[in-house]
Amino acid sequence: HISLALAYDGLGMKNRSRQAYTTVLRLDAH
């Protein structure tokens, strides 16, 4: 999910990138 967030960021898809990082924090709050 972190790598996917980076890929979305590279594509300029900021909203999807944010969602991917939010998913990570849901899986690992720390």
PDB file of all heavy atoms in Angstrom:
ATOM      1  N   HIS A   1       0.828  -1.214   0.000  1.00  0.00           N
ATOM      2  CA  HIS A   1       0.000   0.000   0.000  1.00  0.00           C
ATOM      3  C   HIS A   1       0.865   1.267   0.000  1.00  0.00           C
ATOM      4  O   HIS A   1       0.503   2.267  -0.627  1.00  0.00           O
ATOM      5  CB  HIS A   1      -0.938  -0.005   1.204  1.00  0.00           C
ATOM      6  CG  HIS A   1      -2.188  -0.811   1.009  1.00  0.00           C
ATOM      7  ND1 HIS A   1      -3.182  -0.424   0.137  1.00  0.00           N
ATOM      8  CD2 HIS A   1      -2.606  -1.980   1.559  1.00  0.00           C
ATOM      9  CE1 HIS A   1      -4.164  -1.304   0.165  1.00  0.00           C
ATOM     10  NE2 HIS A   1      -3.838  -2.269   1.018  1.00  0.00           N
ATOM     11  N   ILE A   2       2.002   1.224   0.702  1.00  0.00           N
ATOM     12  CA  ILE A   2       2.903   2.387   0.695  1.00  0.00           C
ATOM     13  C   ILE A   2       3.456   2.611  -0.707  1.00  0.00           C
ATOM     14  O   ILE A   2       3.495   3.739  -1.213  1.00  0.00           O
ATOM     15  CB  ILE A   2       4.035   2.197   1.716  1.00  0.00           C
ATOM     16  CG1 ILE A   2       3.484   2.314   3.142  1.00  0.00           C
ATOM     17  CG2 ILE A   2       5.144   3.231   1.498  1.00  0.00           C
ATOM     18  CD1 ILE A   2       4.484   2.004   4.226  1.00  0.00           C
ATOM     19  N   SER A   3       3.877   1.516  -1.347  1.00  0.00           N
ATOM     20  CA  SER A   3       4.397   1.633  -2.724  1.00  0.00           C
ATOM     21  C   SER A   3       3.303   2.109  -3.670  1.00  0.00           C
ATOM     22  O   SER A   3       3.556   2.907  -4.584  1.00  0.00           O
ATOM     23  CB  SER A   3       4.949   0.275  -3.191  1.00  0.00           C
ATOM     24  OG  SER A   3       6.065  -0.102  -2.425  1.00  0.00           O
ATOM     25  N   LEU A   4       2.084   1.631  -3.450  1.00  0.00           N
ATOM     26  CA  LEU A   4       0.966   2.066  -4.287  1.00  0.00           C
ATOM     27  C   LEU A   4       0.706   3.560  -4.095  1.00  0.00           C
ATOM     28  O   LEU A   4       0.439   4.289  -5.066  1.00  0.00           O
ATOM     29  CB  LEU A   4      -0.281   1.258  -3.926  1.00  0.00           C
ATOM     30  CG  LEU A   4      -1.532   1.472  -4.782  1.00  0.00           C
ATOM     31  CD1 LEU A   4      -1.239   1.228  -6.263  1.00  0.00           C
ATOM     32  CD2 LEU A   4      -2.655   0.556  -4.301  1.00  0.00           C
ATOM     33  N   ALA A   5       0.818   4.039  -2.856  1.00  0.00           N
ATOM     34  CA  ALA A   5       0.651   5.470  -2.584  1.00  0.00           C
ATOM     35  C   ALA A   5       1.697   6.283  -3.336  1.00  0.00           C
ATOM     36  O   ALA A   5       1.396   7.346  -3.896  1.00  0.00           O
ATOM     37  CB  ALA A   5       0.759   5.729  -1.081  1.00  0.00           C
ATOM     38  N   LEU A   6       2.936   5.780  -3.352  1.00  0.00           N
ATOM     39  CA  LEU A   6       4.005   6.468  -4.085  1.00  0.00           C
ATOM     40  C   LEU A   6       3.732   6.484  -5.579  1.00  0.00           C
ATOM     41  O   LEU A   6       3.991   7.479  -6.270  1.00  0.00           O
ATOM     42  CB  LEU A   6       5.349   5.789  -3.793  1.00  0.00           C
ATOM     43  CG  LEU A   6       5.867   5.915  -2.353  1.00  0.00           C
ATOM     44  CD1 LEU A   6       7.073   5.002  -2.145  1.00  0.00           C
ATOM     45  CD2 LEU A   6       6.241   7.360  -2.048  1.00  0.00           C
ATOM     46  N   ALA A   7       3.201   5.370  -6.091  1.00  0.00           N
ATOM     47  CA  ALA A   7       2.877   5.308  -7.519  1.00  0.00           C
ATOM     48  C   ALA A   7       1.776   6.308  -7.869  1.00  0.00           C
ATOM     49  O   ALA A   7       1.869   7.043  -8.865  1.00  0.00           O
ATOM     50  CB  ALA A   7       2.444   3.889  -7.889  1.00  0.00           C
ATOM     51  N   TYR A   8       0.733   6.354  -7.041  1.00  0.00           N
ATOM     52  CA  TYR A   8      -0.347   7.317  -7.282  1.00  0.00           C
ATOM     53  C   TYR A   8       0.181   8.749  -7.217  1.00  0.00           C
ATOM     54  O   TYR A   8      -0.218   9.608  -8.011  1.00  0.00           O
ATOM     55  CB  TYR A   8      -1.447   7.138  -6.230  1.00  0.00           C
ATOM     56  CG  TYR A   8      -2.330   5.921  -6.431  1.00  0.00           C
ATOM     57  CD1 TYR A   8      -2.775   5.174  -5.338  1.00  0.00           C
ATOM     58  CD2 TYR A   8      -2.738   5.535  -7.711  1.00  0.00           C
ATOM     59  CE1 TYR A   8      -3.599   4.066  -5.519  1.00  0.00           C
ATOM     60  CE2 TYR A   8      -3.559   4.424  -7.895  1.00  0.00           C
ATOM     61  CZ  TYR A   8      -3.986   3.699  -6.791  1.00  0.00           C
ATOM     62  OH  TYR A   8      -4.805   2.609  -6.972  1.00  0.00           O
ATOM     63  N   ASP A   9       1.065   9.002  -6.282  1.00  0.00           N
ATOM     64  CA  ASP A   9       1.646  10.342  -6.164  1.00  0.00           C
ATOM     65  C   ASP A   9       2.413  10.696  -7.432  1.00  0.00           C
ATOM     66  O   ASP A   9       2.337  11.823  -7.933  1.00  0.00           O
ATOM     67  CB  ASP A   9       2.568  10.389  -4.940  1.00  0.00           C
ATOM     68  CG  ASP A   9       3.004  11.811  -4.603  1.00  0.00           C
ATOM     69  OD1 ASP A   9       2.261  12.754  -4.924  1.00  0.00           O
ATOM     70  OD2 ASP A   9       4.093  11.979  -4.033  1.00  0.00           O
ATOM     71  N   GLY A  10       3.156   9.716  -7.948  1.00  0.00           N
ATOM     72  CA  GLY A  10       3.907   9.949  -9.191  1.00  0.00           C
ATOM     73  C   GLY A  10       3.011  10.216 -10.376  1.00  0.00           C
ATOM     74  O   GLY A  10       3.417  10.877 -11.342  1.00  0.00           O
ATOM     75  N   LEU A  11       1.780   9.717 -10.311  1.00  0.00           N
ATOM     76  CA  LEU A  11       0.813   9.937 -11.395  1.00  0.00           C
ATOM     77  C   LEU A  11      -0.012  11.202 -11.168  1.00  0.00           C
ATOM     78  O   LEU A  11      -0.899  11.516 -11.968  1.00  0.00           O
ATOM     79  CB  LEU A  11      -0.130   8.724 -11.493  1.00  0.00           C
ATOM     80  CG  LEU A  11       0.507   7.420 -11.989  1.00  0.00           C
ATOM     81  CD1 LEU A  11      -0.428   6.240 -11.750  1.00  0.00           C
ATOM     82  CD2 LEU A  11       0.856   7.527 -13.476  1.00  0.00           C
ATOM     83  N   GLY A  12       0.263  11.900 -10.059  1.00  0.00           N
ATOM     84  CA  GLY A  12      -0.502  13.103  -9.751  1.00  0.00           C
ATOM     85  C   GLY A  12      -1.875  12.816  -9.182  1.00  0.00           C
ATOM     86  O   GLY A  12      -2.717  13.716  -9.096  1.00  0.00           O
ATOM     87  N   MET A  13      -2.106  11.567  -8.762  1.00  0.00           N
ATOM     88  CA  MET A  13      -3.408  11.171  -8.218  1.00  0.00           C
ATOM     89  C   MET A  13      -3.352  11.322  -6.694  1.00  0.00           C
ATOM     90  O   MET A  13      -3.252  10.355  -5.944  1.00  0.00           O
ATOM     91  CB  MET A  13      -3.753   9.738  -8.645  1.00  0.00           C
ATOM     92  CG  MET A  13      -3.762   9.567 -10.165  1.00  0.00           C
ATOM     93  SD  MET A  13      -3.827   7.848 -10.720  1.00  0.00           S
ATOM     94  CE  MET A  13      -5.511   7.426 -10.320  1.00  0.00           C
ATOM     95  N   LYS A  14      -3.383  12.568  -6.238  1.00  0.00           N
ATOM     96  CA  LYS A  14      -3.157  12.877  -4.828  1.00  0.00           C
ATOM     97  C   LYS A  14      -4.212  12.253  -3.914  1.00  0.00           C
ATOM     98  O   LYS A  14      -3.892  11.760  -2.829  1.00  0.00           O
ATOM     99  CB  LYS A  14      -3.135  14.393  -4.620  1.00  0.00           C
ATOM    100  CG  LYS A  14      -2.124  15.137  -5.486  1.00  0.00           C
ATOM    101  CD  LYS A  14      -0.705  14.707  -5.151  1.00  0.00           C
ATOM    102  CE  LYS A  14       0.306  15.521  -5.959  1.00  0.00           C
ATOM    103  NZ  LYS A  14       1.686  15.064  -5.731  1.00  0.00           N
ATOM    104  N   ASN A  15      -5.461  12.280  -4.347  1.00  0.00           N
ATOM    105  CA  ASN A  15      -6.522  11.743  -3.500  1.00  0.00           C
ATOM    106  C   ASN A  15      -6.326  10.248  -3.267  1.00  0.00           C
ATOM    107  O   ASN A  15      -6.458   9.753  -2.148  1.00  0.00           O
ATOM    108  CB  ASN A  15      -7.887  12.009  -4.138  1.00  0.00           C
ATOM    109  CG  ASN A  15      -9.027  11.647  -3.204  1.00  0.00           C
ATOM    110  OD1 ASN A  15      -8.988  11.945  -2.018  1.00  0.00           O
ATOM    111  ND2 ASN A  15     -10.044  10.974  -3.729  1.00  0.00           N
ATOM    112  N   ARG A  16      -5.989   9.519  -4.335  1.00  0.00           N
ATOM    113  CA  ARG A  16      -5.765   8.077  -4.192  1.00  0.00           C
ATOM    114  C   ARG A  16      -4.520   7.789  -3.347  1.00  0.00           C
ATOM    115  O   ARG A  16      -4.487   6.818  -2.592  1.00  0.00           O
ATOM    116  CB  ARG A  16      -5.617   7.428  -5.577  1.00  0.00           C
ATOM    117  CG  ARG A  16      -6.919   7.293  -6.321  1.00  0.00           C
ATOM    118  CD  ARG A  16      -6.791   6.291  -7.449  1.00  0.00           C
ATOM    119  NE  ARG A  16      -8.047   6.098  -8.140  1.00  0.00           N
ATOM    120  CZ  ARG A  16      -8.243   5.177  -9.079  1.00  0.00           C
ATOM    121  NH1 ARG A  16      -7.234   4.397  -9.459  1.00  0.00           N
ATOM    122  NH2 ARG A  16      -9.415   5.036  -9.657  1.00  0.00           N
ATOM    123  N   SER A  17      -3.536   8.641  -3.494  1.00  0.00           N
ATOM    124  CA  SER A  17      -2.329   8.473  -2.683  1.00  0.00           C
ATOM    125  C   SER A  17      -2.671   8.635  -1.201  1.00  0.00           C
ATOM    126  O   SER A  17      -2.242   7.840  -0.347  1.00  0.00           O
ATOM    127  CB  SER A  17      -1.272   9.493  -3.094  1.00  0.00           C
ATOM    128  OG  SER A  17      -0.071   9.298  -2.376  1.00  0.00           O
ATOM    129  N   ARG A  18      -3.456   9.651  -0.891  1.00  0.00           N
ATOM    130  CA  ARG A  18      -3.867   9.867   0.503  1.00  0.00           C
ATOM    131  C   ARG A  18      -4.667   8.674   1.024  1.00  0.00           C
ATOM    132  O   ARG A  18      -4.484   8.238   2.158  1.00  0.00           O
ATOM    133  CB  ARG A  18      -4.700  11.151   0.632  1.00  0.00           C
ATOM    134  CG  ARG A  18      -3.910  12.432   0.383  1.00  0.00           C
ATOM    135  CD  ARG A  18      -4.672  13.640   0.932  1.00  0.00           C
ATOM    136  NE  ARG A  18      -6.016  13.759   0.400  1.00  0.00           N
ATOM    137  CZ  ARG A  18      -6.345  14.390  -0.718  1.00  0.00           C
ATOM    138  NH1 ARG A  18      -5.400  14.974  -1.443  1.00  0.00           N
ATOM    139  NH2 ARG A  18      -7.597  14.462  -1.118  1.00  0.00           N
ATOM    140  N   GLN A  19      -5.546   8.131   0.179  1.00  0.00           N
ATOM    141  CA  GLN A  19      -6.357   6.990   0.593  1.00  0.00           C
ATOM    142  C   GLN A  19      -5.482   5.775   0.892  1.00  0.00           C
ATOM    143  O   GLN A  19      -5.743   5.025   1.841  1.00  0.00           O
ATOM    144  CB  GLN A  19      -7.376   6.648  -0.497  1.00  0.00           C
ATOM    145  CG  GLN A  19      -8.502   7.670  -0.631  1.00  0.00           C
ATOM    146  CD  GLN A  19      -9.412   7.388  -1.816  1.00  0.00           C
ATOM    147  OE1 GLN A  19      -9.162   6.470  -2.606  1.00  0.00           O
ATOM    148  NE2 GLN A  19     -10.468   8.185  -1.952  1.00  0.00           N
ATOM    149  N   ALA A  20      -4.440   5.585   0.086  1.00  0.00           N
ATOM    150  CA  ALA A  20      -3.542   4.443   0.297  1.00  0.00           C
ATOM    151  C   ALA A  20      -2.806   4.572   1.628  1.00  0.00           C
ATOM    152  O   ALA A  20      -2.665   3.594   2.375  1.00  0.00           O
ATOM    153  CB  ALA A  20      -2.550   4.329  -0.855  1.00  0.00           C
ATOM    154  N   TYR A  21      -2.334   5.784   1.940  1.00  0.00           N
ATOM    155  CA  TYR A  21      -1.657   5.992   3.227  1.00  0.00           C
ATOM    156  C   TYR A  21      -2.638   5.818   4.390  1.00  0.00           C
ATOM    157  O   TYR A  21      -2.270   5.290   5.449  1.00  0.00           O
ATOM    158  CB  TYR A  21      -1.026   7.379   3.282  1.00  0.00           C
ATOM    159  CG  TYR A  21       0.238   7.502   2.471  1.00  0.00           C
ATOM    160  CD1 TYR A  21       0.381   8.512   1.527  1.00  0.00           C
ATOM    161  CD2 TYR A  21       1.288   6.606   2.661  1.00  0.00           C
ATOM    162  CE1 TYR A  21       1.544   8.635   0.779  1.00  0.00           C
ATOM    163  CE2 TYR A  21       2.454   6.713   1.911  1.00  0.00           C
ATOM    164  CZ  TYR A  21       2.575   7.733   0.970  1.00  0.00           C
ATOM    165  OH  TYR A  21       3.733   7.844   0.243  1.00  0.00           O
ATOM    166  N   THR A  22      -3.879   6.253   4.201  1.00  0.00           N
ATOM    167  CA  THR A  22      -4.895   6.074   5.240  1.00  0.00           C
ATOM    168  C   THR A  22      -5.147   4.590   5.489  1.00  0.00           C
ATOM    169  O   THR A  22      -5.328   4.164   6.639  1.00  0.00           O
ATOM    170  CB  THR A  22      -6.207   6.773   4.828  1.00  0.00           C
ATOM    171  OG1 THR A  22      -5.948   8.167   4.611  1.00  0.00           O
ATOM    172  CG2 THR A  22      -7.272   6.624   5.904  1.00  0.00           C
ATOM    173  N   THR A  23      -5.134   3.802   4.420  1.00  0.00           N
ATOM    174  CA  THR A  23      -5.282   2.348   4.556  1.00  0.00           C
ATOM    175  C   THR A  23      -4.139   1.761   5.360  1.00  0.00           C
ATOM    176  O   THR A  23      -4.341   0.895   6.221  1.00  0.00           O
ATOM    177  CB  THR A  23      -5.343   1.678   3.171  1.00  0.00           C
ATOM    178  OG1 THR A  23      -6.460   2.196   2.442  1.00  0.00           O
ATOM    179  CG2 THR A  23      -5.474   0.163   3.296  1.00  0.00           C
ATOM    180  N   VAL A  24      -2.936   2.239   5.103  1.00  0.00           N
ATOM    181  CA  VAL A  24      -1.770   1.763   5.866  1.00  0.00           C
ATOM    182  C   VAL A  24      -1.965   2.037   7.356  1.00  0.00           C
ATOM    183  O   VAL A  24      -1.725   1.159   8.197  1.00  0.00           O
ATOM    184  CB  VAL A  24      -0.476   2.444   5.371  1.00  0.00           C
ATOM    185  CG1 VAL A  24       0.694   2.098   6.302  1.00  0.00           C
ATOM    186  CG2 VAL A  24      -0.148   2.010   3.959  1.00  0.00           C
ATOM    187  N   LEU A  25      -2.405   3.241   7.693  1.00  0.00           N
ATOM    188  CA  LEU A  25      -2.584   3.602   9.097  1.00  0.00           C
ATOM    189  C   LEU A  25      -3.744   2.849   9.731  1.00  0.00           C
ATOM    190  O   LEU A  25      -3.768   2.663  10.950  1.00  0.00           O
ATOM    191  CB  LEU A  25      -2.793   5.113   9.227  1.00  0.00           C
ATOM    192  CG  LEU A  25      -1.551   5.943   8.893  1.00  0.00           C
ATOM    193  CD1 LEU A  25      -1.881   7.426   8.866  1.00  0.00           C
ATOM    194  CD2 LEU A  25      -0.427   5.665   9.884  1.00  0.00           C
ATOM    195  N   ARG A  26      -4.675   2.392   8.919  1.00  0.00           N
ATOM    196  CA  ARG A  26      -5.748   1.553   9.446  1.00  0.00           C
ATOM    197  C   ARG A  26      -5.201   0.161   9.776  1.00  0.00           C
ATOM    198  O   ARG A  26      -5.616  -0.469  10.748  1.00  0.00           O
ATOM    199  CB  ARG A  26      -6.871   1.449   8.414  1.00  0.00           C
ATOM    200  CG  ARG A  26      -8.201   1.011   8.995  1.00  0.00           C
ATOM    201  CD  ARG A  26      -9.385   1.372   8.127  1.00  0.00           C
ATOM    202  NE  ARG A  26      -9.236   0.928   6.750  1.00  0.00           N
ATOM    203  CZ  ARG A  26      -9.238   1.739   5.700  1.00  0.00           C
ATOM    204  NH1 ARG A  26      -9.364   3.041   5.872  1.00  0.00           N
ATOM    205  NH2 ARG A  26      -9.097   1.263   4.487  1.00  0.00           N
ATOM    206  N   LEU A  27      -4.247  -0.295   8.976  1.00  0.00           N
ATOM    207  CA  LEU A  27      -3.622  -1.603   9.214  1.00  0.00           C
ATOM    208  C   LEU A  27      -2.559  -1.537  10.300  1.00  0.00           C
ATOM    209  O   LEU A  27      -2.335  -2.499  11.036  1.00  0.00           O
ATOM    210  CB  LEU A  27      -2.981  -2.118   7.912  1.00  0.00           C
ATOM    211  CG  LEU A  27      -3.935  -2.401   6.750  1.00  0.00           C
ATOM    212  CD1 LEU A  27      -3.141  -2.650   5.465  1.00  0.00           C
ATOM    213  CD2 LEU A  27      -4.822  -3.605   7.062  1.00  0.00           C
ATOM    214  N   ASP A  28      -1.878  -0.392  10.376  1.00  0.00           N
ATOM    215  CA  ASP A  28      -0.795  -0.216  11.349  1.00  0.00           C
ATOM    216  C   ASP A  28      -0.814   1.235  11.826  1.00  0.00           C
ATOM    217  O   ASP A  28      -0.241   2.116  11.194  1.00  0.00           O
ATOM    218  CB  ASP A  28       0.560  -0.558  10.700  1.00  0.00           C
ATOM    219  CG  ASP A  28       1.732  -0.306  11.625  1.00  0.00           C
ATOM    220  OD1 ASP A  28       1.506  -0.071  12.837  1.00  0.00           O
ATOM    221  OD2 ASP A  28       2.891  -0.333  11.158  1.00  0.00           O
ATOM    222  N   ALA A  29      -1.478   1.448  12.967  1.00  0.00           N
ATOM    223  CA  ALA A  29      -1.687   2.817  13.463  1.00  0.00           C
ATOM    224  C   ALA A  29      -0.388   3.516  13.842  1.00  0.00           C
ATOM    225  O   ALA A  29      -0.368   4.738  13.998  1.00  0.00           O
ATOM    226  CB  ALA A  29      -2.629   2.787  14.668  1.00  0.00           C
ATOM    227  N   HIS A  30       0.700   2.772  13.986  1.00  0.00           N
ATOM    228  CA  HIS A  30       1.976   3.365  14.401  1.00  0.00           C
ATOM    229  C   HIS A  30       3.001   3.408  13.259  1.00  0.00           C
ATOM    230  O   HIS A  30       4.195   3.515  13.516  1.00  0.00           O
ATOM    231  CB  HIS A  30       2.549   2.579  15.580  1.00  0.00           C
ATOM    232  CG  HIS A  30       1.644   2.545  16.768  1.00  0.00           C
ATOM    233  ND1 HIS A  30       1.383   3.658  17.543  1.00  0.00           N
ATOM    234  CD2 HIS A  30       0.894   1.548  17.294  1.00  0.00           C
ATOM    235  CE1 HIS A  30       0.539   3.337  18.504  1.00  0.00           C
ATOM    236  NE2 HIS A  30       0.220   2.070  18.377  1.00  0.00           N
TER     237      HIS A  30
END
